[in-house]
N, C-alpha and C. Protein backbone atom coordinates (compact mmCIF):
# COMPACT_ATOMS: atom_id res chain seq x y z
N MET A 1 237.85 -16.27 58.88
CA MET A 1 238.08 -15.77 57.58
C MET A 1 237.23 -16.55 56.52
N ASN A 2 236.74 -15.96 55.57
CA ASN A 2 236.01 -16.66 54.54
C ASN A 2 236.89 -17.57 53.70
N GLU A 3 236.35 -18.66 53.26
CA GLU A 3 237.12 -19.55 52.39
C GLU A 3 236.32 -19.62 51.07
N TYR A 4 237.07 -19.64 49.96
CA TYR A 4 236.50 -19.65 48.65
C TYR A 4 237.06 -20.81 47.89
N THR A 5 236.21 -21.36 46.99
CA THR A 5 236.71 -22.45 46.17
C THR A 5 237.56 -21.85 45.04
N LYS A 6 238.38 -22.71 44.41
CA LYS A 6 239.17 -22.27 43.31
C LYS A 6 238.33 -21.74 42.16
N GLU A 7 237.16 -22.31 41.99
CA GLU A 7 236.23 -21.88 40.89
C GLU A 7 235.71 -20.48 41.28
N GLU A 8 235.40 -20.18 42.47
CA GLU A 8 234.95 -18.89 42.90
C GLU A 8 236.01 -17.84 42.67
N LEU A 9 237.23 -18.12 42.95
CA LEU A 9 238.40 -17.26 42.84
C LEU A 9 238.62 -16.99 41.28
N ALA A 10 238.48 -18.08 40.51
CA ALA A 10 238.72 -17.92 39.03
C ALA A 10 237.66 -17.03 38.47
N GLU A 11 236.36 -17.20 38.92
CA GLU A 11 235.28 -16.35 38.44
C GLU A 11 235.55 -14.88 38.81
N ALA A 12 235.93 -14.68 40.06
CA ALA A 12 236.25 -13.31 40.57
C ALA A 12 237.32 -12.71 39.71
N MET A 13 238.33 -13.49 39.42
CA MET A 13 239.47 -13.00 38.60
C MET A 13 238.98 -12.56 37.26
N THR A 14 238.14 -13.33 36.64
CA THR A 14 237.56 -12.99 35.31
C THR A 14 236.83 -11.62 35.36
N SER A 15 235.98 -11.54 36.34
CA SER A 15 235.21 -10.29 36.52
C SER A 15 236.11 -9.07 36.83
N LEU A 16 237.03 -9.21 37.73
CA LEU A 16 237.92 -8.15 38.04
C LEU A 16 238.77 -7.77 36.84
N ASP A 17 239.23 -8.70 36.11
CA ASP A 17 240.07 -8.44 34.91
C ASP A 17 239.31 -7.67 33.90
N SER A 18 238.06 -7.97 33.68
CA SER A 18 237.22 -7.24 32.75
C SER A 18 237.01 -5.79 33.19
N THR A 19 236.76 -5.61 34.49
CA THR A 19 236.62 -4.28 35.08
C THR A 19 237.91 -3.46 34.93
N LEU A 20 239.03 -4.11 35.19
CA LEU A 20 240.35 -3.44 35.06
C LEU A 20 240.59 -3.00 33.61
N ARG A 21 240.23 -3.86 32.60
CA ARG A 21 240.42 -3.43 31.24
C ARG A 21 239.60 -2.25 30.90
N LYS A 22 238.37 -2.17 31.41
CA LYS A 22 237.49 -1.06 31.13
C LYS A 22 238.05 0.23 31.80
N CYS A 23 238.52 0.13 33.00
CA CYS A 23 239.10 1.27 33.70
C CYS A 23 240.33 1.75 32.95
N GLU A 24 241.22 0.85 32.53
CA GLU A 24 242.39 1.23 31.78
C GLU A 24 242.01 1.91 30.48
N LYS A 25 240.99 1.48 29.84
CA LYS A 25 240.47 2.05 28.63
C LYS A 25 240.10 3.50 28.83
N MET A 26 239.40 3.76 29.98
CA MET A 26 238.98 5.10 30.37
C MET A 26 240.22 6.00 30.64
N GLN A 27 241.25 5.40 31.20
CA GLN A 27 242.49 6.19 31.42
C GLN A 27 243.09 6.64 30.12
N ASP A 28 243.11 5.75 29.21
CA ASP A 28 243.73 6.03 27.89
C ASP A 28 242.88 7.02 27.04
N SER A 29 241.58 7.15 27.36
CA SER A 29 240.76 8.01 26.57
C SER A 29 241.09 9.50 26.74
N GLY A 30 241.57 9.88 27.93
CA GLY A 30 241.90 11.24 28.22
C GLY A 30 240.61 12.14 28.42
N LYS A 31 239.52 11.47 28.61
CA LYS A 31 238.29 12.27 28.76
C LYS A 31 237.90 12.52 30.25
N LEU A 32 238.68 12.02 31.17
CA LEU A 32 238.37 12.16 32.52
C LEU A 32 238.80 13.49 33.12
N GLN A 33 237.93 14.11 33.92
CA GLN A 33 238.41 15.34 34.60
C GLN A 33 239.24 14.95 35.81
N SER A 34 239.85 15.87 36.46
CA SER A 34 240.83 15.64 37.53
C SER A 34 240.36 14.68 38.62
N SER A 35 239.20 14.95 39.22
CA SER A 35 238.71 14.09 40.33
C SER A 35 238.34 12.67 39.82
N GLN A 36 237.74 12.65 38.61
CA GLN A 36 237.41 11.33 38.00
C GLN A 36 238.67 10.55 37.71
N LYS A 37 239.76 11.23 37.23
CA LYS A 37 240.99 10.58 36.90
C LYS A 37 241.61 9.98 38.10
N THR A 38 241.60 10.76 39.27
CA THR A 38 242.20 10.32 40.49
C THR A 38 241.44 9.04 40.94
N LEU A 39 240.13 9.07 40.97
CA LEU A 39 239.30 7.94 41.34
C LEU A 39 239.58 6.73 40.49
N ASN A 40 239.62 6.93 39.20
CA ASN A 40 239.91 5.84 38.28
C ASN A 40 241.28 5.27 38.47
N ASP A 41 242.33 6.06 38.69
CA ASP A 41 243.69 5.63 38.95
C ASP A 41 243.68 4.74 40.19
N ARG A 42 242.99 5.17 41.26
CA ARG A 42 242.95 4.38 42.47
C ARG A 42 242.23 3.06 42.20
N ARG A 43 241.19 3.11 41.43
CA ARG A 43 240.46 1.81 41.12
C ARG A 43 241.38 0.89 40.37
N VAL A 44 242.14 1.36 39.43
CA VAL A 44 243.04 0.49 38.64
C VAL A 44 244.09 -0.07 39.59
N ASN A 45 244.62 0.68 40.50
CA ASN A 45 245.60 0.14 41.42
C ASN A 45 245.02 -0.91 42.35
N ALA A 46 243.80 -0.65 42.82
CA ALA A 46 243.16 -1.63 43.71
C ALA A 46 242.77 -2.91 42.93
N LEU A 47 242.37 -2.80 41.74
CA LEU A 47 242.06 -3.98 40.95
C LEU A 47 243.31 -4.80 40.67
N ARG A 48 244.42 -4.09 40.37
CA ARG A 48 245.66 -4.86 40.15
C ARG A 48 246.08 -5.63 41.36
N ILE A 49 245.97 -4.99 42.54
CA ILE A 49 246.36 -5.65 43.77
C ILE A 49 245.44 -6.81 44.02
N ALA A 50 244.13 -6.66 43.83
CA ALA A 50 243.24 -7.78 44.05
C ALA A 50 243.52 -8.94 43.15
N LEU A 51 243.79 -8.67 41.82
CA LEU A 51 244.13 -9.72 40.95
C LEU A 51 245.44 -10.41 41.32
N ALA A 52 246.38 -9.67 41.75
CA ALA A 52 247.66 -10.23 42.15
C ALA A 52 247.50 -11.17 43.36
N LEU A 53 246.65 -10.75 44.33
CA LEU A 53 246.44 -11.57 45.48
C LEU A 53 245.64 -12.82 45.19
N ILE A 54 244.63 -12.74 44.29
CA ILE A 54 243.89 -13.89 43.89
C ILE A 54 244.79 -14.86 43.14
N LYS A 55 245.59 -14.37 42.25
CA LYS A 55 246.51 -15.20 41.51
C LYS A 55 247.52 -15.91 42.42
N LYS A 56 248.03 -15.18 43.37
CA LYS A 56 248.97 -15.77 44.35
C LYS A 56 248.27 -16.87 45.12
N GLU A 57 247.03 -16.59 45.56
CA GLU A 57 246.31 -17.63 46.31
C GLU A 57 246.01 -18.91 45.47
N LEU A 58 245.69 -18.66 44.20
CA LEU A 58 245.42 -19.82 43.34
C LEU A 58 246.67 -20.67 43.17
N GLU A 59 247.82 -19.95 42.99
CA GLU A 59 249.05 -20.67 42.73
C GLU A 59 249.67 -21.31 44.01
N HIS A 60 249.50 -20.65 45.12
CA HIS A 60 250.17 -21.11 46.32
C HIS A 60 249.22 -21.32 47.48
N GLY A 61 247.98 -21.59 47.13
CA GLY A 61 247.00 -21.78 48.26
C GLY A 61 247.41 -22.82 49.22
N ASP A 62 247.22 -22.53 50.48
CA ASP A 62 247.53 -23.49 51.54
C ASP A 62 246.37 -23.61 52.52
N SER A 63 246.49 -24.47 53.50
CA SER A 63 245.40 -24.73 54.38
C SER A 63 244.95 -23.52 55.25
N GLU A 64 245.79 -22.51 55.34
CA GLU A 64 245.48 -21.33 56.13
C GLU A 64 244.99 -20.16 55.20
N GLY A 65 244.90 -20.34 53.93
CA GLY A 65 244.52 -19.36 53.03
C GLY A 65 243.04 -19.24 52.77
N PHE A 66 242.69 -18.69 51.64
CA PHE A 66 241.32 -18.53 51.27
C PHE A 66 240.71 -19.66 50.50
N VAL A 67 241.55 -20.52 49.96
CA VAL A 67 241.06 -21.58 49.10
C VAL A 67 240.53 -22.80 49.84
N GLN A 68 239.40 -23.20 49.48
CA GLN A 68 238.76 -24.38 50.03
C GLN A 68 238.80 -25.46 49.06
N GLU A 69 239.26 -26.62 49.41
CA GLU A 69 239.39 -27.71 48.46
C GLU A 69 238.02 -28.39 48.24
């Protein structure tokens, strides 16, 4: 399994959070057609999961996780 430094995870979190905000903004605009809305909804869910997992790893990282000291 790949190991990432805390700095790399923090950078990834920043980038994913920015993308999530942009996708949420698109959801709120109401301009998406059906298939685009479905794809965007799935992206938002995936980004939320990814952010939650990174946050969990940063808070509770252990020797068997992704974080490299």
